[in-house]
Amino acid sequence: MKDAYYFSHDANARHDPKIIALKSVYGLEGYGRYWILVEMLREQKNYKLILNDTKYSYTIIANQLQCTPDEAKIFIKDCIEEFHLFKTDGQNLWSDSLIKRMKYREEERAKRRAAGSLGGSKTQAKLKQKSSKTQAGKERKGKEIKERKGKNTLTSSELSSEDANQSPPNCPHQEIIDLYHKLLPELPKIKEWTPQRQASLRARWNESRERQCLEWWQLFFEKVKKSDFLMGQVKEFRADLEWLIRPRNFPKVLEGRYDNREKEKQWHEFT
């Protein structure tokens, strides 16, 4: 859970009038204490700190702010009453903006999980359908061979067809390249398909039986298209087919290393 305590933070938060007022009284030390309190709020299950007059609550907070309990109490009181950065009901301390941001993040994560589950189900259904068609074709071929064996009219190629069925089908280089050009027209075109490139694509094709159909490669290119990084929308870098099928890059694409992370929503102020 590497992002368990994530929260969005505006890069221009220091220009907020409330923050400017805080810094005018407490300086950068107060600015740092403010963000420590926000981080502590983020760590709570309901994004609220228990705040009462018991000495221990302020002792714990003071330990984080590196000040005395009395100084922590005065600082928090000013953040509530003078700078309007936090709110309290006498028992708890919270930030409306933090709660709103975390609610938005939770909703977005729920949407992505639901979409991922649906997309995975569709992918498996398509691959299963393709596998069923392939198996049916093999069964028909086997039946034809048996019938011809009875008539003693088998050719030498047919005699070895059962062995051939155990080997992966030949990699359809041109068909995959055509799919790449059709689905990813924004990426660099393939002008020369060198032996090295052929070897890379053939290796990816042969590594897994599920990849040995054009439907799988269509889904793969559709996944690439959804990545802003791979499509050159984040940096000057743009992926191309040769880059995508390299042994170092290919599994990273499949694992979602280049999938879009949650796009930060812009807020005018933190509070």
C-alpha atoms as a PDB file:
ATOM      1  CA  MET A   1       0.000   0.000   0.000  1.00  0.00           C
ATOM      2  CA  LYS A   2       2.616   2.482  -1.111  1.00  0.00           C
ATOM      3  CA  ASP A   3       0.003   5.221  -1.674  1.00  0.00           C
ATOM      4  CA  ALA A   4      -1.916   4.576   1.572  1.00  0.00           C
ATOM      5  CA  TYR A   5      -1.365   8.128   2.788  1.00  0.00           C
ATOM      6  CA  TYR A   6      -1.605   9.965  -0.519  1.00  0.00           C
ATOM      7  CA  PHE A   7      -3.364  13.322  -0.853  1.00  0.00           C
ATOM      8  CA  SER A   8      -3.197  15.947  -3.621  1.00  0.00           C
ATOM      9  CA  HIS A   9      -1.285  19.129  -2.890  1.00  0.00           C
ATOM     10  CA  ASP A  10      -1.536  22.228  -5.080  1.00  0.00           C
ATOM     11  CA  ALA A  11       1.871  23.472  -6.229  1.00  0.00           C
ATOM     12  CA  ASN A  12       0.733  27.071  -5.648  1.00  0.00           C
ATOM     13  CA  ALA A  13      -0.765  26.532  -2.182  1.00  0.00           C
ATOM     14  CA  ARG A  14       1.758  29.005  -0.732  1.00  0.00           C
ATOM     15  CA  HIS A  15      -0.046  31.823  -2.594  1.00  0.00           C
ATOM     16  CA  ASP A  16      -3.372  31.163  -0.855  1.00  0.00           C
ATOM     17  CA  PRO A  17      -4.393  34.283   1.174  1.00  0.00           C
ATOM     18  CA  LYS A  18      -4.975  32.147   4.255  1.00  0.00           C
ATOM     19  CA  ILE A  19      -1.517  30.609   3.972  1.00  0.00           C
ATOM     20  CA  ILE A  20       0.030  34.034   3.448  1.00  0.00           C
ATOM     21  CA  ALA A  21      -1.672  35.224   6.638  1.00  0.00           C
ATOM     22  CA  LEU A  22      -0.365  32.157   8.478  1.00  0.00           C
ATOM     23  CA  LYS A  23       3.212  32.752   7.290  1.00  0.00           C
ATOM     24  CA  SER A  24       3.041  36.429   8.230  1.00  0.00           C
ATOM     25  CA  VAL A  25       2.574  35.383  11.857  1.00  0.00           C
ATOM     26  CA  TYR A  26       4.399  32.061  12.163  1.00  0.00           C
ATOM     27  CA  GLY A  27       6.821  32.189   9.224  1.00  0.00           C
ATOM     28  CA  LEU A  28       7.967  29.089   7.351  1.00  0.00           C
ATOM     29  CA  GLU A  29       7.943  27.138  10.593  1.00  0.00           C
ATOM     30  CA  GLY A  30       4.188  27.670  10.808  1.00  0.00           C
ATOM     31  CA  TYR A  31       3.827  26.700   7.138  1.00  0.00           C
ATOM     32  CA  GLY A  32       5.623  23.429   7.863  1.00  0.00           C
ATOM     33  CA  ARG A  33       3.490  22.785  10.956  1.00  0.00           C
ATOM     34  CA  TYR A  34       0.339  23.333   8.912  1.00  0.00           C
ATOM     35  CA  TRP A  35       1.290  20.633   6.395  1.00  0.00           C
ATOM     36  CA  ILE A  36       2.272  18.252   9.203  1.00  0.00           C
ATOM     37  CA  LEU A  37      -1.244  18.642  10.586  1.00  0.00           C
ATOM     38  CA  VAL A  38      -2.710  17.974   7.133  1.00  0.00           C
ATOM     39  CA  GLU A  39      -0.600  14.808   6.856  1.00  0.00           C
ATOM     40  CA  MET A  40      -1.757  13.690  10.301  1.00  0.00           C
ATOM     41  CA  LEU A  41      -5.378  14.247   9.248  1.00  0.00           C
ATOM     42  CA  ARG A  42      -4.782  12.182   6.108  1.00  0.00           C
ATOM     43  CA  GLU A  43      -3.546   9.275   8.210  1.00  0.00           C
ATOM     44  CA  GLN A  44      -6.803   9.058  10.157  1.00  0.00           C
ATOM     45  CA  LYS A  45      -9.533   6.705   8.983  1.00  0.00           C
ATOM     46  CA  ASN A  46     -12.143   9.472   8.821  1.00  0.00           C
ATOM     47  CA  TYR A  47      -9.579  12.232   8.127  1.00  0.00           C
ATOM     48  CA  LYS A  48     -10.251  13.789  11.554  1.00  0.00           C
ATOM     49  CA  LEU A  49      -7.965  14.222  14.576  1.00  0.00           C
ATOM     50  CA  ILE A  50      -9.366  13.737  18.056  1.00  0.00           C
ATOM     51  CA  LEU A  51      -9.016  17.124  19.693  1.00  0.00           C
ATOM     52  CA  ASN A  52     -10.021  17.716  23.299  1.00  0.00           C
ATOM     53  CA  ASP A  53      -8.565  19.226  26.427  1.00  0.00           C
ATOM     54  CA  THR A  54      -6.768  16.101  27.597  1.00  0.00           C
ATOM     55  CA  LYS A  55      -3.069  16.695  27.868  1.00  0.00           C
ATOM     56  CA  TYR A  56      -2.203  13.630  25.851  1.00  0.00           C
ATOM     57  CA  SER A  57      -3.923  14.701  22.633  1.00  0.00           C
ATOM     58  CA  TYR A  58      -1.897  17.902  22.433  1.00  0.00           C
ATOM     59  CA  THR A  59       1.237  16.123  23.653  1.00  0.00           C
ATOM     60  CA  ILE A  60       1.042  13.753  20.666  1.00  0.00           C
ATOM     61  CA  ILE A  61       0.444  16.621  18.247  1.00  0.00           C
ATOM     62  CA  ALA A  62       3.226  18.713  19.839  1.00  0.00           C
ATOM     63  CA  ASN A  63       5.632  15.811  19.372  1.00  0.00           C
ATOM     64  CA  GLN A  64       4.953  15.901  15.620  1.00  0.00           C
ATOM     65  CA  LEU A  65       5.115  19.709  15.417  1.00  0.00           C
ATOM     66  CA  GLN A  66       8.281  19.804  17.557  1.00  0.00           C
ATOM     67  CA  CYS A  67       6.904  22.303  20.047  1.00  0.00           C
ATOM     68  CA  THR A  68       5.326  22.288  23.495  1.00  0.00           C
ATOM     69  CA  PRO A  69       1.706  21.163  24.035  1.00  0.00           C
ATOM     70  CA  ASP A  70       0.715  24.739  24.905  1.00  0.00           C
ATOM     71  CA  GLU A  71       2.318  26.075  21.718  1.00  0.00           C
ATOM     72  CA  ALA A  72       0.542  23.375  19.685  1.00  0.00           C
ATOM     73  CA  LYS A  73      -2.792  24.298  21.237  1.00  0.00           C
ATOM     74  CA  ILE A  74      -2.352  28.010  20.474  1.00  0.00           C
ATOM     75  CA  PHE A  75      -1.197  27.293  16.893  1.00  0.00           C
ATOM     76  CA  ILE A  76      -4.193  25.067  16.169  1.00  0.00           C
ATOM     77  CA  LYS A  77      -6.565  27.619  17.718  1.00  0.00           C
ATOM     78  CA  ASP A  78      -5.156  30.320  15.413  1.00  0.00           C
ATOM     79  CA  CYS A  79      -5.434  28.015  12.358  1.00  0.00           C
ATOM     80  CA  ILE A  80      -9.121  27.579  13.203  1.00  0.00           C
ATOM     81  CA  GLU A  81     -10.181  31.034  14.360  1.00  0.00           C
ATOM     82  CA  GLU A  82      -7.721  33.434  12.726  1.00  0.00           C
ATOM     83  CA  PHE A  83      -6.694  31.782   9.450  1.00  0.00           C
ATOM     84  CA  HIS A  84      -9.766  29.540   8.885  1.00  0.00           C
ATOM     85  CA  LEU A  85      -7.615  26.660   7.674  1.00  0.00           C
ATOM     86  CA  PHE A  86      -9.279  23.985   9.817  1.00  0.00           C
ATOM     87  CA  LYS A  87     -12.614  23.339  11.503  1.00  0.00           C
ATOM     88  CA  THR A  88     -13.564  21.796  14.845  1.00  0.00           C
ATOM     89  CA  ASP A  89     -16.633  20.702  16.758  1.00  0.00           C
ATOM     90  CA  GLY A  90     -14.792  20.794  20.063  1.00  0.00           C
ATOM     91  CA  GLN A  91     -13.888  17.124  19.868  1.00  0.00           C
ATOM     92  CA  ASN A  92     -12.349  16.718  16.410  1.00  0.00           C
ATOM     93  CA  LEU A  93     -10.173  18.700  14.002  1.00  0.00           C
ATOM     94  CA  TRP A  94     -10.614  18.441  10.231  1.00  0.00           C
ATOM     95  CA  SER A  95     -10.143  20.143   6.862  1.00  0.00           C
ATOM     96  CA  ASP A  96     -13.173  20.362   4.572  1.00  0.00           C
ATOM     97  CA  SER A  97     -10.922  20.545   1.528  1.00  0.00           C
ATOM     98  CA  LEU A  98      -8.935  17.422   2.468  1.00  0.00           C
ATOM     99  CA  ILE A  99     -12.141  15.436   3.040  1.00  0.00           C
ATOM    100  CA  LYS A 100     -13.514  16.644  -0.317  1.00  0.00           C
ATOM    101  CA  ARG A 101     -10.324  15.695  -2.150  1.00  0.00           C
ATOM    102  CA  MET A 102     -10.105  12.278  -0.554  1.00  0.00           C
ATOM    103  CA  LYS A 103     -13.753  11.587  -1.367  1.00  0.00           C
ATOM    104  CA  TYR A 104     -13.063  12.458  -5.015  1.00  0.00           C
ATOM    105  CA  ARG A 105     -10.000  10.171  -5.045  1.00  0.00           C
ATOM    106  CA  GLU A 106     -11.937   7.278  -3.500  1.00  0.00           C
ATOM    107  CA  GLU A 107     -14.720   7.642  -6.079  1.00  0.00           C
ATOM    108  CA  GLU A 108     -12.190   7.691  -8.950  1.00  0.00           C
ATOM    109  CA  ARG A 109     -10.421   4.594  -7.638  1.00  0.00           C
ATOM    110  CA  ALA A 110     -13.739   2.778  -7.339  1.00  0.00           C
ATOM    111  CA  LYS A 111     -14.559   3.688 -10.957  1.00  0.00           C
ATOM    112  CA  ARG A 112     -11.170   2.410 -12.166  1.00  0.00           C
ATOM    113  CA  ARG A 113     -11.559  -0.868 -10.269  1.00  0.00           C
ATOM    114  CA  ALA A 114     -14.994  -1.382 -11.783  1.00  0.00           C
ATOM    115  CA  ALA A 115     -13.737  -0.513 -15.280  1.00  0.00           C
ATOM    116  CA  GLY A 116     -10.730  -2.814 -14.879  1.00  0.00           C
ATOM    117  CA  SER A 117     -12.920  -5.701 -13.800  1.00  0.00           C
ATOM    118  CA  LEU A 118     -15.235  -5.166 -16.783  1.00  0.00           C
ATOM    119  CA  GLY A 119     -12.340  -4.822 -19.231  1.00  0.00           C
ATOM    120  CA  GLY A 120     -10.715  -7.997 -17.901  1.00  0.00           C
ATOM    121  CA  SER A 121     -13.940  -9.941 -18.312  1.00  0.00           C
ATOM    122  CA  LYS A 122     -14.337  -8.751 -21.926  1.00  0.00           C
ATOM    123  CA  THR A 123     -10.726  -9.658 -22.742  1.00  0.00           C
ATOM    124  CA  GLN A 124     -11.079 -13.154 -21.308  1.00  0.00           C
ATOM    125  CA  ALA A 125     -14.357 -13.661 -23.193  1.00  0.00           C
ATOM    126  CA  LYS A 126     -12.771 -12.674 -26.514  1.00  0.00           C
ATOM    127  CA  LEU A 127      -9.739 -14.901 -25.972  1.00  0.00           C
ATOM    128  CA  LYS A 128     -11.947 -17.813 -24.913  1.00  0.00           C
ATOM    129  CA  GLN A 129     -14.058 -17.378 -28.035  1.00  0.00           C
ATOM    130  CA  LYS A 130     -10.936 -17.377 -30.225  1.00  0.00           C
ATOM    131  CA  SER A 131      -9.602 -20.469 -28.432  1.00  0.00           C
ATOM    132  CA  SER A 132     -12.898 -22.290 -29.014  1.00  0.00           C
ATOM    133  CA  LYS A 133     -12.792 -21.477 -32.743  1.00  0.00           C
ATOM    134  CA  THR A 134      -9.183 -22.681 -32.996  1.00  0.00           C
ATOM    135  CA  GLN A 135      -9.976 -25.937 -31.219  1.00  0.00           C
ATOM    136  CA  ALA A 136     -13.009 -26.523 -33.455  1.00  0.00           C
ATOM    137  CA  GLY A 137     -10.811 -26.007 -36.524  1.00  0.00           C
ATOM    138  CA  LYS A 138      -8.280 -28.549 -35.246  1.00  0.00           C
ATOM    139  CA  GLU A 139     -11.012 -31.085 -34.610  1.00  0.00           C
ATOM    140  CA  ARG A 140     -12.389 -30.660 -38.153  1.00  0.00           C
ATOM    141  CA  LYS A 141      -8.916 -31.048 -39.620  1.00  0.00           C
ATOM    142  CA  GLY A 142      -8.302 -34.175 -37.569  1.00  0.00           C
ATOM    143  CA  LYS A 143     -11.572 -35.661 -38.733  1.00  0.00           C
ATOM    144  CA  GLU A 144     -10.734 -34.989 -42.388  1.00  0.00           C
ATOM    145  CA  ILE A 145      -7.336 -36.625 -42.000  1.00  0.00           C
ATOM    146  CA  LYS A 146      -8.837 -39.739 -40.429  1.00  0.00           C
ATOM    147  CA  GLU A 147     -11.363 -40.007 -43.272  1.00  0.00           C
ATOM    148  CA  ARG A 148      -8.631 -39.730 -45.884  1.00  0.00           C
ATOM    149  CA  LYS A 149      -6.474 -42.279 -44.047  1.00  0.00           C
ATOM    150  CA  GLY A 150      -9.267 -44.780 -44.602  1.00  0.00           C
ATOM    151  CA  LYS A 151      -9.040 -44.089 -48.358  1.00  0.00           C
ATOM    152  CA  ASN A 152      -5.201 -44.217 -48.433  1.00  0.00           C
ATOM    153  CA  THR A 153      -5.071 -40.793 -50.095  1.00  0.00           C
ATOM    154  CA  LEU A 154      -3.072 -38.864 -47.478  1.00  0.00           C
ATOM    155  CA  THR A 155      -0.322 -36.532 -48.666  1.00  0.00           C
ATOM    156  CA  SER A 156       3.012 -36.334 -46.849  1.00  0.00           C
ATOM    157  CA  SER A 157       2.082 -32.925 -45.417  1.00  0.00           C
ATOM    158  CA  GLU A 158      -1.180 -34.301 -44.037  1.00  0.00           C
ATOM    159  CA  LEU A 159       0.644 -37.195 -42.392  1.00  0.00           C
ATOM    160  CA  SER A 160       2.553 -34.703 -40.256  1.00  0.00           C
ATOM    161  CA  SER A 161      -0.380 -32.380 -39.608  1.00  0.00           C
ATOM    162  CA  GLU A 162      -0.910 -33.594 -36.045  1.00  0.00           C
ATOM    163  CA  ASP A 163       2.663 -32.624 -35.166  1.00  0.00           C
ATOM    164  CA  ALA A 164       2.219 -29.294 -36.929  1.00  0.00           C
ATOM    165  CA  ASN A 165      -0.854 -28.583 -34.805  1.00  0.00           C
ATOM    166  CA  GLN A 166       1.304 -28.790 -31.700  1.00  0.00           C
ATOM    167  CA  SER A 167       3.565 -25.997 -32.971  1.00  0.00           C
ATOM    168  CA  PRO A 168       2.560 -22.316 -32.792  1.00  0.00           C
ATOM    169  CA  PRO A 169       1.214 -20.817 -36.032  1.00  0.00           C
ATOM    170  CA  ASN A 170       3.570 -18.616 -37.989  1.00  0.00           C
ATOM    171  CA  CYS A 171       3.734 -15.026 -36.767  1.00  0.00           C
ATOM    172  CA  PRO A 172       1.692 -12.828 -39.168  1.00  0.00           C
ATOM    173  CA  HIS A 173       4.103  -9.896 -39.228  1.00  0.00           C
ATOM    174  CA  GLN A 174       2.321  -7.803 -41.855  1.00  0.00           C
ATOM    175  CA  GLU A 175      -1.113  -8.243 -40.279  1.00  0.00           C
ATOM    176  CA  ILE A 176       0.202  -7.087 -36.889  1.00  0.00           C
ATOM    177  CA  ILE A 177       1.974  -4.129 -38.508  1.00  0.00           C
ATOM    178  CA  ASP A 178      -1.257  -3.206 -40.299  1.00  0.00           C
ATOM    179  CA  LEU A 179      -3.121  -3.340 -36.972  1.00  0.00           C
ATOM    180  CA  TYR A 180      -0.468  -1.114 -35.395  1.00  0.00           C
ATOM    181  CA  HIS A 181      -0.823   1.474 -38.181  1.00  0.00           C
ATOM    182  CA  LYS A 182      -4.619   1.335 -38.063  1.00  0.00           C
ATOM    183  CA  LEU A 183      -5.066   1.607 -34.280  1.00  0.00           C
ATOM    184  CA  LEU A 184      -2.072   3.834 -33.508  1.00  0.00           C
ATOM    185  CA  PRO A 185      -1.765   6.290 -36.398  1.00  0.00           C
ATOM    186  CA  GLU A 186      -0.246   8.876 -34.036  1.00  0.00           C
ATOM    187  CA  LEU A 187       2.858   6.730 -33.474  1.00  0.00           C
ATOM    188  CA  PRO A 188       5.809   6.452 -35.913  1.00  0.00           C
ATOM    189  CA  LYS A 189       5.143   4.429 -39.049  1.00  0.00           C
ATOM    190  CA  ILE A 190       7.062   1.247 -39.831  1.00  0.00           C
ATOM    191  CA  LYS A 191       9.147   1.859 -42.923  1.00  0.00           C
ATOM    192  CA  GLU A 192      11.491  -1.129 -42.770  1.00  0.00           C
ATOM    193  CA  TRP A 193      10.862  -4.412 -40.997  1.00  0.00           C
ATOM    194  CA  THR A 194      14.401  -5.609 -40.342  1.00  0.00           C
ATOM    195  CA  PRO A 195      15.381  -9.181 -39.381  1.00  0.00           C
ATOM    196  CA  GLN A 196      16.021  -7.980 -35.819  1.00  0.00           C
ATOM    197  CA  ARG A 197      12.533  -6.513 -35.572  1.00  0.00           C
ATOM    198  CA  GLN A 198      11.063  -9.673 -37.082  1.00  0.00           C
ATOM    199  CA  ALA A 199      12.859 -11.750 -34.454  1.00  0.00           C
ATOM    200  CA  SER A 200      11.505  -9.590 -31.617  1.00  0.00           C
ATOM    201  CA  LEU A 201       7.902  -9.796 -32.799  1.00  0.00           C
ATOM    202  CA  ARG A 202       8.188 -13.533 -33.485  1.00  0.00           C
ATOM    203  CA  ALA A 203       9.539 -14.065 -29.958  1.00  0.00           C
ATOM    204  CA  ARG A 204       6.650 -12.168 -28.358  1.00  0.00           C
ATOM    205  CA  TRP A 205       4.194 -14.143 -30.526  1.00  0.00           C
ATOM    206  CA  ASN A 206       5.679 -17.507 -29.535  1.00  0.00           C
ATOM    207  CA  GLU A 207       6.026 -16.754 -25.807  1.00  0.00           C
ATOM    208  CA  SER A 208       2.340 -17.320 -25.062  1.00  0.00           C
ATOM    209  CA  ARG A 209      -0.398 -19.245 -26.870  1.00  0.00           C
ATOM    210  CA  GLU A 210      -2.957 -16.528 -26.095  1.00  0.00           C
ATOM    211  CA  ARG A 211      -0.900 -14.030 -28.113  1.00  0.00           C
ATOM    212  CA  GLN A 212      -1.115 -16.162 -31.234  1.00  0.00           C
ATOM    213  CA  CYS A 213      -4.186 -14.434 -32.631  1.00  0.00           C
ATOM    214  CA  LEU A 214      -4.775 -10.976 -34.092  1.00  0.00           C
ATOM    215  CA  GLU A 215      -7.562 -10.265 -31.589  1.00  0.00           C
ATOM    216  CA  TRP A 216      -5.004 -10.317 -28.766  1.00  0.00           C
ATOM    217  CA  TRP A 217      -2.767  -7.829 -30.571  1.00  0.00           C
ATOM    218  CA  GLN A 218      -5.741  -5.563 -31.226  1.00  0.00           C
ATOM    219  CA  LEU A 219      -6.417  -5.456 -27.472  1.00  0.00           C
ATOM    220  CA  PHE A 220      -2.720  -4.852 -26.832  1.00  0.00           C
ATOM    221  CA  PHE A 221      -2.603  -1.835 -29.168  1.00  0.00           C
ATOM    222  CA  GLU A 222      -5.834  -0.500 -27.666  1.00  0.00           C
ATOM    223  CA  LYS A 223      -4.150  -0.648 -24.260  1.00  0.00           C
ATOM    224  CA  VAL A 224      -1.158   1.288 -25.640  1.00  0.00           C
ATOM    225  CA  LYS A 225      -3.501   3.933 -27.071  1.00  0.00           C
ATOM    226  CA  LYS A 226      -4.885   4.635 -23.584  1.00  0.00           C
ATOM    227  CA  SER A 227      -1.426   5.513 -22.216  1.00  0.00           C
ATOM    228  CA  ASP A 228      -0.616   9.240 -22.442  1.00  0.00           C
ATOM    229  CA  PHE A 229       3.068   8.429 -21.854  1.00  0.00           C
ATOM    230  CA  LEU A 230       3.345   5.897 -24.688  1.00  0.00           C
ATOM    231  CA  MET A 231       1.358   8.161 -27.024  1.00  0.00           C
ATOM    232  CA  GLY A 232       3.773  11.059 -26.495  1.00  0.00           C
ATOM    233  CA  GLN A 233       1.336  13.269 -24.586  1.00  0.00           C
ATOM    234  CA  VAL A 234       3.512  13.541 -21.463  1.00  0.00           C
ATOM    235  CA  LYS A 235       7.040  13.996 -22.831  1.00  0.00           C
ATOM    236  CA  GLU A 236       8.683  14.262 -26.213  1.00  0.00           C
ATOM    237  CA  PHE A 237       9.107  10.463 -26.187  1.00  0.00           C
ATOM    238  CA  ARG A 238       6.696   8.402 -28.293  1.00  0.00           C
ATOM    239  CA  ALA A 239       6.704   4.626 -28.403  1.00  0.00           C
ATOM    240  CA  ASP A 240       6.872   2.744 -31.704  1.00  0.00           C
ATOM    241  CA  LEU A 241       6.288  -0.896 -32.552  1.00  0.00           C
ATOM    242  CA  GLU A 242       9.954  -1.814 -32.239  1.00  0.00           C
ATOM    243  CA  TRP A 243      10.105  -0.231 -28.746  1.00  0.00           C
ATOM    244  CA  LEU A 244       6.843  -1.882 -27.635  1.00  0.00           C
ATOM    245  CA  ILE A 245       7.979  -5.431 -28.485  1.00  0.00           C
ATOM    246  CA  ARG A 246      11.442  -5.220 -26.929  1.00  0.00           C
ATOM    247  CA  PRO A 247      11.834  -7.869 -24.188  1.00  0.00           C
ATOM    248  CA  ARG A 248      12.444  -5.183 -21.527  1.00  0.00           C
ATOM    249  CA  ASN A 249       9.477  -2.990 -22.480  1.00  0.00           C
ATOM    250  CA  PHE A 250       6.806  -5.487 -23.526  1.00  0.00           C
ATOM    251  CA  PRO A 251       6.088  -6.959 -20.054  1.00  0.00           C
ATOM    252  CA  LYS A 252       6.027  -3.482 -18.524  1.00  0.00           C
ATOM    253  CA  VAL A 253       3.293  -2.436 -20.942  1.00  0.00           C
ATOM    254  CA  LEU A 254       1.301  -5.572 -20.106  1.00  0.00           C
ATOM    255  CA  GLU A 255       1.750  -4.981 -16.365  1.00  0.00           C
ATOM    256  CA  GLY A 256       0.363  -1.457 -16.640  1.00  0.00           C
ATOM    257  CA  ARG A 257       3.624   0.353 -15.801  1.00  0.00           C
ATOM    258  CA  TYR A 258       2.781   3.029 -18.381  1.00  0.00           C
ATOM    259  CA  ASP A 259      -0.949   3.271 -17.645  1.00  0.00           C
ATOM    260  CA  ASN A 260      -2.251   6.721 -16.799  1.00  0.00           C
ATOM    261  CA  ARG A 261      -2.110   7.568 -13.134  1.00  0.00           C
ATOM    262  CA  GLU A 262      -4.936   9.581 -11.605  1.00  0.00           C
ATOM    263  CA  LYS A 263      -4.886  13.026 -13.150  1.00  0.00           C
ATOM    264  CA  GLU A 264      -4.761  15.621 -10.457  1.00  0.00           C
ATOM    265  CA  LYS A 265      -7.789  17.852 -10.442  1.00  0.00           C
ATOM    266  CA  GLN A 266      -6.878  21.511 -10.242  1.00  0.00           C
ATOM    267  CA  TRP A 267      -8.195  23.379  -7.246  1.00  0.00           C
ATOM    268  CA  HIS A 268      -8.050  27.113  -6.719  1.00  0.00           C
ATOM    269  CA  GLU A 269      -7.145  26.695  -3.054  1.00  0.00           C
ATOM    270  CA  PHE A 270      -6.450  23.879  -0.657  1.00  0.00           C
ATOM    271  CA  THR A 271      -8.970  24.881   1.983  1.00  0.00           C
END
